[in-house]
């Protein structure tokens, strides 16, 4: 069932969209819809736990390339972004750096893109006092977006580039923001993920040294800001000329055309710049000396 069909069902039946999604989950898996709803709430709790763990015990990554970006963000007073968006950016950095330092995270939709959805949801909780149950319902709705992208394209950087990871996470976060704040704005729910996904179409996966650190961590921060932008535009009545499902189809086509060098191989993009090569050589040289 297309995401737009799920939204239409909710609109026509006057059933909350997260209930429609949980029933769709039941039809596809045979599991109790309540299981999906309870799991979504549990995952939001785990996102919060990951963020708190990071604040209590921050650590550098294995390479030492990342690990203090979230602290820098917290110590900075934003000049241009709202407190809601900037908080989300900081949470995204914290979660992504927690992953890079081998901390426990919710891979939503993947480990490399694990900061975007928590950045949006937890910022709404902290800055708008939106309760965790509401956020769990929003996460469930966002999961339908992620599942549709997975079925029509991919959510793997190794298959379709970073557009499939950060792009999917950003689309999921955008619809979660709308649902958590305006659950009956059906047109906005349809358009936010399309607007978000289009903005990241073609993004390549080029991790320096093959580590999920550079540029991955900072891309999570940008994903949150794009998600809030897409949600805002959709709530303003700005529509995507191309429907979400067709955008997801396009992502799949673009991903299949991307060369192997731009699909998580560290053999293209910024991963082969002189600076990146030196960083990797210096790190490996340090490892050899320790051995």
Protein backbone atom coordinates (compact mmCIF):
# COMPACT_ATOMS: atom_id res chain seq x y z
CA UNK A 1 0.00 0.00 0.00
CA UNK A 2 1.37 3.41 -0.99
CA UNK A 3 2.03 5.96 1.74
CA UNK A 4 -0.48 8.30 0.14
CA UNK A 5 -3.05 5.46 0.35
CA UNK A 6 -2.38 5.09 4.07
CA UNK A 7 -2.97 8.82 4.52
CA UNK A 8 -6.15 8.64 2.42
CA UNK A 9 -7.45 5.76 4.52
CA UNK A 10 -6.86 7.77 7.69
CA UNK A 11 -8.59 10.80 6.21
CA UNK A 12 -11.60 8.93 4.84
CA UNK A 13 -12.14 6.72 7.88
CA UNK A 14 -11.29 9.41 10.43
CA UNK A 15 -8.85 6.95 11.99
CA UNK A 16 -5.54 8.25 13.40
CA UNK A 17 -2.82 7.62 10.85
CA UNK A 18 -0.61 5.73 13.31
CA UNK A 19 -3.50 3.29 13.84
CA UNK A 20 -3.82 2.81 10.09
CA UNK A 21 -0.08 2.15 9.89
CA UNK A 22 -0.14 -0.34 12.77
CA UNK A 23 -2.99 -2.21 11.07
CA UNK A 24 -1.01 -2.19 7.82
CA UNK A 25 1.88 -3.66 9.79
CA UNK A 26 -0.45 -6.41 11.07
CA UNK A 27 -1.58 -7.27 7.56
CA UNK A 28 2.04 -7.57 6.39
CA UNK A 29 3.46 -9.45 9.38
CA UNK A 30 0.57 -11.08 11.20
CA UNK A 31 1.67 -9.40 14.42
CA UNK A 32 -0.64 -7.57 16.82
CA UNK A 33 -0.93 -3.86 15.89
CA UNK A 34 -0.34 -3.01 19.54
CA UNK A 35 3.09 -4.61 19.27
CA UNK A 36 4.07 -2.07 16.61
CA UNK A 37 2.75 0.82 18.69
CA UNK A 38 4.48 -0.36 21.87
CA UNK A 39 7.75 -0.98 20.01
CA UNK A 40 7.71 2.52 18.53
CA UNK A 41 7.30 4.05 21.99
CA UNK A 42 10.09 1.83 23.32
CA UNK A 43 12.40 2.96 20.53
CA UNK A 44 11.77 6.62 21.34
CA UNK A 45 12.76 5.81 24.92
CA UNK A 46 15.94 4.17 23.68
CA UNK A 47 16.73 7.24 21.59
CA UNK A 48 16.46 9.33 24.73
CA UNK A 49 18.68 6.88 26.62
CA UNK A 50 21.33 7.08 23.91
CA UNK A 51 21.32 10.86 24.06
CA UNK A 52 21.59 10.90 27.85
CA UNK A 53 24.39 8.33 27.77
CA UNK A 54 26.31 10.51 25.37
CA UNK A 55 25.92 13.55 27.62
CA UNK A 56 27.04 11.59 30.67
CA UNK A 57 30.03 9.90 29.06
CA UNK A 58 31.20 11.47 25.81
CA UNK A 59 34.00 9.67 24.01
CA UNK A 60 36.02 10.17 20.87
CA UNK A 61 35.64 7.79 17.95
CA UNK A 62 38.18 5.06 17.23
CA UNK A 63 40.04 7.29 14.79
CA UNK A 64 39.71 10.40 16.94
CA UNK A 65 38.30 12.32 13.99
CA UNK A 66 34.94 12.99 15.65
CA UNK A 67 33.71 13.16 19.20
CA UNK A 68 33.56 16.79 20.22
CA UNK A 69 31.26 18.31 17.63
CA UNK A 70 28.17 17.87 19.81
CA UNK A 71 29.86 19.62 22.74
CA UNK A 72 30.85 22.52 20.52
CA UNK A 73 27.25 22.80 19.33
CA UNK A 74 25.91 22.79 22.90
CA UNK A 75 28.34 25.50 23.96
CA UNK A 76 27.34 27.77 21.08
CA UNK A 77 24.42 30.18 21.22
CA UNK A 78 22.71 29.97 17.81
CA UNK A 79 22.55 33.18 15.79
CA UNK A 80 20.43 32.03 12.88
CA UNK A 81 18.50 28.85 13.76
CA UNK A 82 15.54 28.64 16.13
CA UNK A 83 16.05 26.89 19.47
CA UNK A 84 13.87 24.01 18.26
CA UNK A 85 15.89 23.38 15.11
CA UNK A 86 19.28 24.03 16.69
CA UNK A 87 18.49 21.66 19.55
CA UNK A 88 17.66 19.01 16.96
CA UNK A 89 20.97 19.65 15.21
CA UNK A 90 22.84 19.17 18.48
CA UNK A 91 20.97 15.97 19.35
CA UNK A 92 21.68 14.59 15.87
CA UNK A 93 25.39 15.25 16.34
CA UNK A 94 25.35 13.65 19.80
CA UNK A 95 23.56 10.54 18.61
CA UNK A 96 25.74 10.13 15.54
CA UNK A 97 28.94 10.64 17.53
CA UNK A 98 27.65 8.16 20.11
CA UNK A 99 27.40 5.65 17.27
CA UNK A 100 30.89 6.51 16.01
CA UNK A 101 32.32 5.87 19.50
CA UNK A 102 30.61 2.46 19.68
CA UNK A 103 27.70 3.61 21.84
CA UNK A 104 24.25 2.01 21.72
CA UNK A 105 21.88 3.75 19.30
CA UNK A 106 18.63 3.10 17.47
CA UNK A 107 19.55 2.48 13.83
CA UNK A 108 16.66 4.48 12.42
CA UNK A 109 16.75 3.77 9.54
CA UNK A 110 20.49 2.93 9.65
CA UNK A 111 23.43 3.45 11.99
CA UNK A 112 24.99 5.98 9.63
CA UNK A 113 21.79 8.06 9.66
CA UNK A 114 20.91 7.38 13.30
CA UNK A 115 20.88 11.03 14.43
CA UNK A 116 18.26 12.60 12.18
CA UNK A 117 15.01 11.12 13.53
CA UNK A 118 16.08 11.34 17.21
CA UNK A 119 17.19 14.91 16.58
CA UNK A 120 13.70 15.83 15.42
CA UNK A 121 11.72 13.82 17.97
CA UNK A 122 13.76 14.61 21.07
CA UNK A 123 13.92 18.30 20.21
CA UNK A 124 10.12 18.35 20.06
CA UNK A 125 10.04 16.66 23.46
CA UNK A 126 12.56 19.03 25.05
CA UNK A 127 11.39 22.28 23.46
CA UNK A 128 7.66 21.68 22.89
CA UNK A 129 6.92 19.29 25.77
CA UNK A 130 5.47 16.73 23.37
CA UNK A 131 5.06 13.48 25.31
CA UNK A 132 6.85 10.28 24.42
CA UNK A 133 3.62 8.47 23.52
CA UNK A 134 2.81 11.07 20.87
CA UNK A 135 6.38 10.84 19.60
CA UNK A 136 6.08 7.05 19.44
CA UNK A 137 3.00 7.40 17.26
CA UNK A 138 4.91 9.84 15.05
CA UNK A 139 7.82 7.40 14.80
CA UNK A 140 5.42 4.66 13.71
CA UNK A 141 4.09 6.88 10.92
CA UNK A 142 7.63 7.78 9.88
CA UNK A 143 8.41 4.06 9.73
CA UNK A 144 5.83 3.69 6.97
CA UNK A 145 7.76 6.26 4.94
CA UNK A 146 11.01 4.41 5.55
CA UNK A 147 9.46 1.09 4.63
CA UNK A 148 8.12 2.43 1.36
CA UNK A 149 11.56 3.79 0.43
CA UNK A 150 13.12 0.44 1.36
CA UNK A 151 10.69 -1.43 -0.87
CA UNK A 152 10.91 0.93 -3.83
CA UNK A 153 14.62 1.79 -3.64
CA UNK A 154 16.94 1.05 -0.71
CA UNK A 155 17.96 2.43 2.66
CA UNK A 156 21.57 1.28 2.25
CA UNK A 157 24.45 3.56 1.30
CA UNK A 158 26.23 0.58 -0.20
CA UNK A 159 23.31 0.09 -2.60
CA UNK A 160 22.04 3.59 -3.37
CA UNK A 161 24.45 6.09 -1.83
CA UNK A 162 23.85 8.39 1.12
CA UNK A 163 20.60 9.63 -0.41
CA UNK A 164 19.22 6.27 0.74
CA UNK A 165 20.44 6.74 4.33
CA UNK A 166 20.38 10.43 5.25
CA UNK A 167 17.73 11.01 2.61
CA UNK A 168 15.42 8.35 4.04
CA UNK A 169 16.06 9.49 7.62
CA UNK A 170 15.26 13.08 6.67
CA UNK A 171 12.02 12.10 4.93
CA UNK A 172 11.05 10.04 7.97
CA UNK A 173 11.87 12.88 10.35
CA UNK A 174 9.88 15.41 8.32
CA UNK A 175 6.68 13.38 8.45
CA UNK A 176 7.26 12.62 12.15
CA UNK A 177 7.48 16.35 12.89
CA UNK A 178 4.22 17.02 11.08
CA UNK A 179 2.40 14.11 12.72
CA UNK A 180 3.62 14.93 16.22
CA UNK A 181 2.36 18.51 15.91
CA UNK A 182 -0.49 18.46 13.35
CA UNK A 183 -1.71 14.84 13.00
CA UNK A 184 -4.71 15.74 10.85
CA UNK A 185 -2.89 17.94 8.34
CA UNK A 186 -3.13 15.22 5.74
CA UNK A 187 -1.84 17.20 2.79
CA UNK A 188 1.24 18.20 4.77
CA UNK A 189 1.79 14.58 5.79
CA UNK A 190 1.82 13.56 2.13
CA UNK A 191 4.12 16.34 0.99
CA UNK A 192 6.72 16.72 3.74
CA UNK A 193 8.58 13.47 2.97
CA UNK A 194 8.51 14.17 -0.76
CA UNK A 195 9.97 17.65 -0.25
CA UNK A 196 12.64 16.29 2.09
CA UNK A 197 13.67 13.37 -0.09
CA UNK A 198 13.92 15.48 -3.24
CA UNK A 199 16.31 17.86 -1.51
CA UNK A 200 18.82 15.05 -0.91
CA UNK A 201 18.41 13.19 -4.20
CA UNK A 202 21.78 12.10 -5.57
CA UNK A 203 23.73 12.43 -2.31
CA UNK A 204 26.73 10.09 -2.54
CA UNK A 205 28.18 7.85 0.16
CA UNK A 206 31.87 8.70 0.51
CA UNK A 207 33.08 7.94 4.04
CA UNK A 208 36.70 8.83 4.68
CA UNK A 209 38.62 5.62 5.30
CA UNK A 210 35.36 3.69 5.22
CA UNK A 211 34.55 4.83 8.76
CA UNK A 212 31.05 6.13 9.55
CA UNK A 213 32.46 9.44 10.75
CA UNK A 214 33.35 11.93 8.02
CA UNK A 215 31.12 13.26 6.47
CA UNK A 216 28.43 11.09 8.10
CA UNK A 217 28.21 12.75 11.52
CA UNK A 218 27.69 16.27 10.22
CA UNK A 219 25.29 15.10 7.51
CA UNK A 220 22.98 13.94 10.30
CA UNK A 221 22.88 17.53 11.58
CA UNK A 222 22.00 18.87 8.16
CA UNK A 223 19.35 16.19 7.77
CA UNK A 224 17.49 17.49 10.85
CA UNK A 225 17.49 21.06 9.58
CA UNK A 226 16.16 19.92 6.20
CA UNK A 227 13.47 17.83 7.93
CA UNK A 228 12.20 20.84 9.87
CA UNK A 229 12.30 22.92 6.69
CA UNK A 230 10.30 20.32 4.75
CA UNK A 231 7.73 20.07 7.56
CA UNK A 232 7.41 23.86 7.73
CA UNK A 233 6.96 24.21 3.99
CA UNK A 234 4.40 21.41 3.90
CA UNK A 235 2.41 22.97 6.75
CA UNK A 236 2.50 26.27 4.88
CA UNK A 237 0.63 24.55 2.05
CA UNK A 238 3.63 24.21 -0.26
CA UNK A 239 3.29 20.97 -2.18
CA UNK A 240 5.77 18.71 -3.90
CA UNK A 241 4.99 18.68 -7.62
CA UNK A 242 6.12 15.05 -7.64
CA UNK A 243 4.31 12.69 -5.22
CA UNK A 244 6.31 10.93 -2.53
CA UNK A 245 6.04 7.47 -4.07
CA UNK A 246 7.38 8.73 -7.40
CA UNK A 247 10.22 10.51 -5.62
CA UNK A 248 11.09 7.22 -3.90
CA UNK A 249 11.05 5.48 -7.29
CA UNK A 250 13.40 8.15 -8.62
CA UNK A 251 15.76 7.64 -5.69
CA UNK A 252 16.00 3.99 -6.64
CA UNK A 253 16.79 4.81 -10.27
CA UNK A 254 19.43 7.34 -9.28
CA UNK A 255 20.96 4.87 -6.83
CA UNK A 256 21.26 2.20 -9.49
CA UNK A 257 23.07 4.65 -11.76
CA UNK A 258 25.57 5.77 -9.15
CA UNK A 259 29.03 4.29 -9.75
CA UNK A 260 30.42 1.84 -7.22
CA UNK A 261 32.98 4.42 -6.11
CA UNK A 262 30.16 6.52 -4.63
CA UNK A 263 28.48 3.71 -2.68
CA UNK A 264 30.28 3.37 0.65
CA UNK A 265 33.53 2.09 -0.85
CA UNK A 266 35.69 5.06 0.22
CA UNK A 267 36.95 5.19 -3.36
CA UNK A 268 35.22 8.38 -4.48
CA UNK A 269 33.94 11.78 -3.40
CA UNK A 270 35.74 13.43 -0.49
CA UNK A 271 37.20 10.07 0.54
CA UNK A 272 39.90 10.37 -2.12
CA UNK A 273 40.91 13.98 -1.49
CA UNK A 274 44.54 14.59 -0.46
CA UNK A 275 43.47 15.58 3.05
CA UNK A 276 41.36 12.45 3.48
CA UNK A 277 44.18 10.22 2.28
CA UNK A 278 46.59 11.83 4.73
CA UNK A 279 44.12 11.41 7.59
CA UNK A 280 43.79 7.71 6.85
CA UNK A 281 47.54 7.23 6.46
CA UNK A 282 48.23 9.01 9.74
CA UNK A 283 45.62 6.93 11.54
CA UNK A 284 46.87 3.63 10.13
CA UNK A 285 50.44 4.63 10.88
CA UNK A 286 49.49 5.27 14.48
CA UNK A 287 47.75 1.90 14.70
CA UNK A 288 50.83 0.12 13.29
CA UNK A 289 53.04 1.78 15.90
CA UNK A 290 50.74 0.63 18.71
CA UNK A 291 50.81 -2.93 17.37
